């Protein structure tokens, strides 16, 4: 509600109302509200004040990464927003927690889409997880038995832990190699290929984040 009022005030030049709404919403940013705010902001991301707000929300997510990724409400975010969060260099979350969040989201998605294979869904997130930073015993006990992470990824991670010089860095974190030299994931207004939706996206690697909503022609 407040996001809608804030953006209406911005559109009609009601600066005092816009500032009041923005201040109130910013005060509401906490672990329990961040996912709802990100989901709601999707509808208003074309407005400058919403972009600014979402950037603050993402910065909060960065600071409280492990807590946010463990929230049940994390599974309610659109796929491209989940990828946006997992890909952020500033995200303070351990890699196993990132994997668990991706797995939790993927299972929820498969519950709603029973014809979709779990391995295919979680495959959308694997590039954003640095498996070589997950302890070997966790890789072998918790991840490998699930059968949803390609064996080559597990082997590269284990090989790196045994000898870092034995593995090409591009095989460990492909998405990070693609983004090297560019800035980290942020917020921008970005139309989908059909030109119908405006979504949270990445200014450094827009091809890595795709809208999972059908376009309306």
Protein backbone atom coordinates (compact mmCIF):
# COMPACT_ATOMS: atom_id res chain seq x y z
CA UNK A 1 0.00 0.00 0.00
CA UNK A 2 2.65 2.52 1.08
CA UNK A 3 4.77 1.77 -1.99
CA UNK A 4 1.81 2.60 -4.20
CA UNK A 5 1.12 5.86 -2.37
CA UNK A 6 4.82 6.78 -2.42
CA UNK A 7 5.06 6.31 -6.17
CA UNK A 8 1.78 8.10 -6.82
CA UNK A 9 3.13 11.04 -4.80
CA UNK A 10 6.33 10.91 -6.83
CA UNK A 11 4.39 10.85 -10.10
CA UNK A 12 2.23 13.85 -9.16
CA UNK A 13 5.08 15.82 -7.62
CA UNK A 14 3.82 15.65 -4.03
CA UNK A 15 7.29 15.73 -2.52
CA UNK A 16 6.30 16.03 1.13
CA UNK A 17 3.99 13.01 0.92
CA UNK A 18 6.60 11.06 -1.04
CA UNK A 19 9.27 11.76 1.58
CA UNK A 20 6.92 10.80 4.39
CA UNK A 21 6.03 7.49 2.72
CA UNK A 22 9.66 6.75 1.84
CA UNK A 23 10.75 7.44 5.41
CA UNK A 24 8.04 5.19 6.81
CA UNK A 25 8.84 2.32 4.44
CA UNK A 26 12.57 2.57 5.17
CA UNK A 27 11.82 2.33 8.88
CA UNK A 28 9.93 -0.90 8.14
CA UNK A 29 12.91 -2.65 6.56
CA UNK A 30 13.75 -5.65 8.73
CA UNK A 31 14.30 -9.38 8.38
CA UNK A 32 10.56 -10.07 8.48
CA UNK A 33 9.65 -7.56 5.75
CA UNK A 34 12.48 -7.59 3.20
CA UNK A 35 11.06 -10.35 1.01
CA UNK A 36 7.59 -8.80 0.94
CA UNK A 37 9.09 -5.41 0.07
CA UNK A 38 11.13 -6.86 -2.79
CA UNK A 39 8.12 -8.72 -4.17
CA UNK A 40 5.93 -5.60 -3.95
CA UNK A 41 8.57 -3.33 -5.46
CA UNK A 42 8.47 -5.36 -8.68
CA UNK A 43 5.29 -3.50 -9.68
CA UNK A 44 6.84 -0.06 -9.22
CA UNK A 45 10.48 -0.52 -10.21
CA UNK A 46 10.13 1.98 -13.08
CA UNK A 47 9.92 4.78 -10.51
CA UNK A 48 13.15 6.36 -9.27
CA UNK A 49 12.10 6.41 -5.62
CA UNK A 50 11.34 2.68 -5.73
CA UNK A 51 14.75 1.92 -7.24
CA UNK A 52 16.35 3.86 -4.39
CA UNK A 53 14.27 1.99 -1.83
CA UNK A 54 15.01 -1.41 -3.35
CA UNK A 55 18.72 -0.66 -3.30
CA UNK A 56 18.42 -0.03 0.46
CA UNK A 57 16.49 -3.28 0.86
CA UNK A 58 19.18 -5.19 -1.04
CA UNK A 59 21.86 -3.61 1.13
CA UNK A 60 19.94 -4.82 4.19
CA UNK A 61 19.78 -8.30 2.64
CA UNK A 62 23.55 -8.15 2.10
CA UNK A 63 24.11 -7.35 5.78
CA UNK A 64 21.74 -10.06 7.06
CA UNK A 65 22.30 -12.65 4.35
CA UNK A 66 22.18 -15.85 6.38
CA UNK A 67 19.01 -14.78 8.19
CA UNK A 68 17.18 -13.68 5.05
CA UNK A 69 18.11 -16.78 3.05
CA UNK A 70 16.65 -18.98 5.79
CA UNK A 71 13.28 -17.23 5.74
CA UNK A 72 10.29 -19.19 4.50
CA UNK A 73 9.17 -16.04 2.67
CA UNK A 74 12.34 -16.22 0.54
CA UNK A 75 10.58 -18.90 -1.51
CA UNK A 76 7.90 -16.39 -2.51
CA UNK A 77 10.32 -14.19 -4.45
CA UNK A 78 10.40 -14.38 -8.26
CA UNK A 79 13.20 -16.51 -9.67
CA UNK A 80 15.13 -13.59 -11.17
CA UNK A 81 15.11 -11.76 -7.81
CA UNK A 82 16.48 -14.86 -6.07
CA UNK A 83 19.26 -15.00 -8.65
CA UNK A 84 19.89 -11.28 -8.22
CA UNK A 85 20.38 -11.77 -4.48
CA UNK A 86 22.54 -14.92 -4.72
CA UNK A 87 24.79 -13.27 -7.30
CA UNK A 88 25.60 -10.19 -5.22
CA UNK A 89 29.26 -10.02 -4.21
CA UNK A 90 28.27 -8.07 -1.09
CA UNK A 91 25.94 -10.80 0.22
CA UNK A 92 27.13 -11.91 3.65
CA UNK A 93 26.08 -15.53 3.60
CA UNK A 94 28.04 -18.74 3.58
CA UNK A 95 27.88 -20.81 0.41
CA UNK A 96 26.08 -23.76 1.97
CA UNK A 97 23.33 -21.44 3.20
CA UNK A 98 23.05 -20.07 -0.34
CA UNK A 99 22.71 -23.62 -1.64
CA UNK A 100 20.05 -24.45 0.95
CA UNK A 101 18.11 -21.30 0.02
CA UNK A 102 18.26 -22.21 -3.67
CA UNK A 103 17.15 -25.76 -2.83
CA UNK A 104 14.29 -24.52 -0.65
CA UNK A 105 13.09 -22.16 -3.40
CA UNK A 106 13.39 -24.89 -6.05
CA UNK A 107 11.42 -27.42 -3.98
CA UNK A 108 8.67 -24.86 -3.42
CA UNK A 109 8.56 -24.17 -7.14
CA UNK A 110 8.34 -27.87 -7.95
CA UNK A 111 5.53 -28.30 -5.42
CA UNK A 112 3.54 -25.78 -7.45
CA UNK A 113 4.73 -27.19 -10.78
CA UNK A 114 4.84 -30.98 -10.36
CA UNK A 115 5.85 -31.59 -13.97
CA UNK A 116 9.11 -29.70 -13.48
CA UNK A 117 12.25 -31.61 -12.46
CA UNK A 118 14.00 -30.32 -9.32
CA UNK A 119 17.44 -30.69 -10.89
CA UNK A 120 16.42 -28.43 -13.77
CA UNK A 121 15.07 -25.73 -11.46
CA UNK A 122 18.03 -25.57 -9.10
CA UNK A 123 20.31 -25.53 -12.13
CA UNK A 124 19.29 -21.88 -12.57
CA UNK A 125 21.15 -20.99 -9.37
CA UNK A 126 24.28 -23.18 -9.35
CA UNK A 127 26.49 -20.61 -11.10
CA UNK A 128 26.00 -18.26 -8.14
CA UNK A 129 27.20 -20.73 -5.50
CA UNK A 130 30.92 -21.17 -4.85
CA UNK A 131 30.95 -24.86 -4.05
CA UNK A 132 34.72 -24.88 -3.53
CA UNK A 133 34.14 -22.82 -0.36
CA UNK A 134 31.87 -25.49 1.12
CA UNK A 135 33.77 -27.99 3.32
CA UNK A 136 34.49 -31.32 1.62
CA UNK A 137 32.59 -33.33 4.23
CA UNK A 138 29.49 -31.17 3.68
CA UNK A 139 29.78 -31.55 -0.08
CA UNK A 140 29.92 -35.33 0.20
CA UNK A 141 27.38 -35.84 3.00
CA UNK A 142 24.79 -33.14 2.34
CA UNK A 143 24.97 -32.16 -1.33
CA UNK A 144 26.31 -35.00 -3.47
CA UNK A 145 23.74 -37.61 -2.27
CA UNK A 146 20.89 -35.36 -3.45
CA UNK A 147 21.89 -36.01 -7.05
CA UNK A 148 20.92 -32.51 -8.20
CA UNK A 149 24.38 -30.94 -8.52
CA UNK A 150 26.44 -32.16 -11.50
CA UNK A 151 29.26 -34.47 -10.50
CA UNK A 152 31.76 -32.25 -12.34
CA UNK A 153 30.94 -29.33 -10.02
CA UNK A 154 31.50 -31.48 -6.93
CA UNK A 155 34.77 -32.85 -8.31
CA UNK A 156 36.08 -29.40 -9.28
CA UNK A 157 35.29 -28.12 -5.79
CA UNK A 158 37.09 -31.04 -4.14
CA UNK A 159 40.05 -30.74 -6.51
CA UNK A 160 40.38 -27.04 -5.71
CA UNK A 161 40.40 -27.73 -1.99
CA UNK A 162 43.18 -30.28 -2.52
CA UNK A 163 45.19 -28.05 -4.90
CA UNK A 164 43.88 -24.57 -5.84
CA UNK A 165 46.18 -24.43 -8.87
CA UNK A 166 44.67 -27.56 -10.39
CA UNK A 167 41.32 -26.00 -11.36
CA UNK A 168 40.47 -23.19 -13.77
CA UNK A 169 38.69 -20.45 -11.74
CA UNK A 170 36.09 -20.19 -14.50
CA UNK A 171 34.94 -23.71 -13.68
CA UNK A 172 34.37 -22.80 -10.04
CA UNK A 173 32.25 -19.63 -10.30
CA UNK A 174 31.33 -18.98 -13.96
CA UNK A 175 29.00 -16.09 -13.17
CA UNK A 176 31.68 -14.28 -11.16
CA UNK A 177 34.21 -14.66 -13.95
CA UNK A 178 31.71 -13.19 -16.43
CA UNK A 179 31.15 -10.23 -14.12
CA UNK A 180 34.83 -9.54 -13.40
CA UNK A 181 35.61 -5.98 -14.33
CA UNK A 182 31.98 -4.97 -13.95
CA UNK A 183 30.19 -3.70 -10.89
CA UNK A 184 28.12 -5.90 -8.64
CA UNK A 185 24.47 -6.73 -9.00
CA UNK A 186 22.22 -3.73 -8.53
CA UNK A 187 18.82 -2.33 -9.41
CA UNK A 188 17.77 -0.96 -12.73
CA UNK A 189 14.67 -0.65 -14.84
CA UNK A 190 14.82 -3.40 -17.43
CA UNK A 191 12.20 -4.50 -19.94
CA UNK A 192 11.76 -8.15 -20.73
CA UNK A 193 12.42 -9.33 -24.32
CA UNK A 194 8.80 -8.69 -25.24
CA UNK A 195 8.92 -5.19 -23.82
CA UNK A 196 6.04 -5.69 -21.42
CA UNK A 197 7.43 -6.17 -17.92
CA UNK A 198 9.72 -3.99 -15.83
CA UNK A 199 11.72 -6.02 -13.35
CA UNK A 200 14.60 -6.05 -10.92
CA UNK A 201 17.68 -6.87 -12.93
CA UNK A 202 21.46 -6.57 -13.12
CA UNK A 203 23.35 -3.73 -14.72
CA UNK A 204 26.53 -5.78 -14.90
CA UNK A 205 25.14 -9.01 -16.31
CA UNK A 206 21.63 -8.52 -17.57
CA UNK A 207 21.75 -11.76 -19.51
CA UNK A 208 22.12 -13.68 -16.27
CA UNK A 209 18.82 -12.49 -14.83
CA UNK A 210 15.68 -13.32 -16.75
CA UNK A 211 12.06 -12.58 -15.96
CA UNK A 212 10.07 -15.68 -15.05
CA UNK A 213 6.76 -13.95 -15.59
CA UNK A 214 4.80 -14.35 -18.82
CA UNK A 215 4.54 -11.19 -20.89
CA UNK A 216 1.20 -9.56 -21.58
CA UNK A 217 0.72 -8.51 -25.18
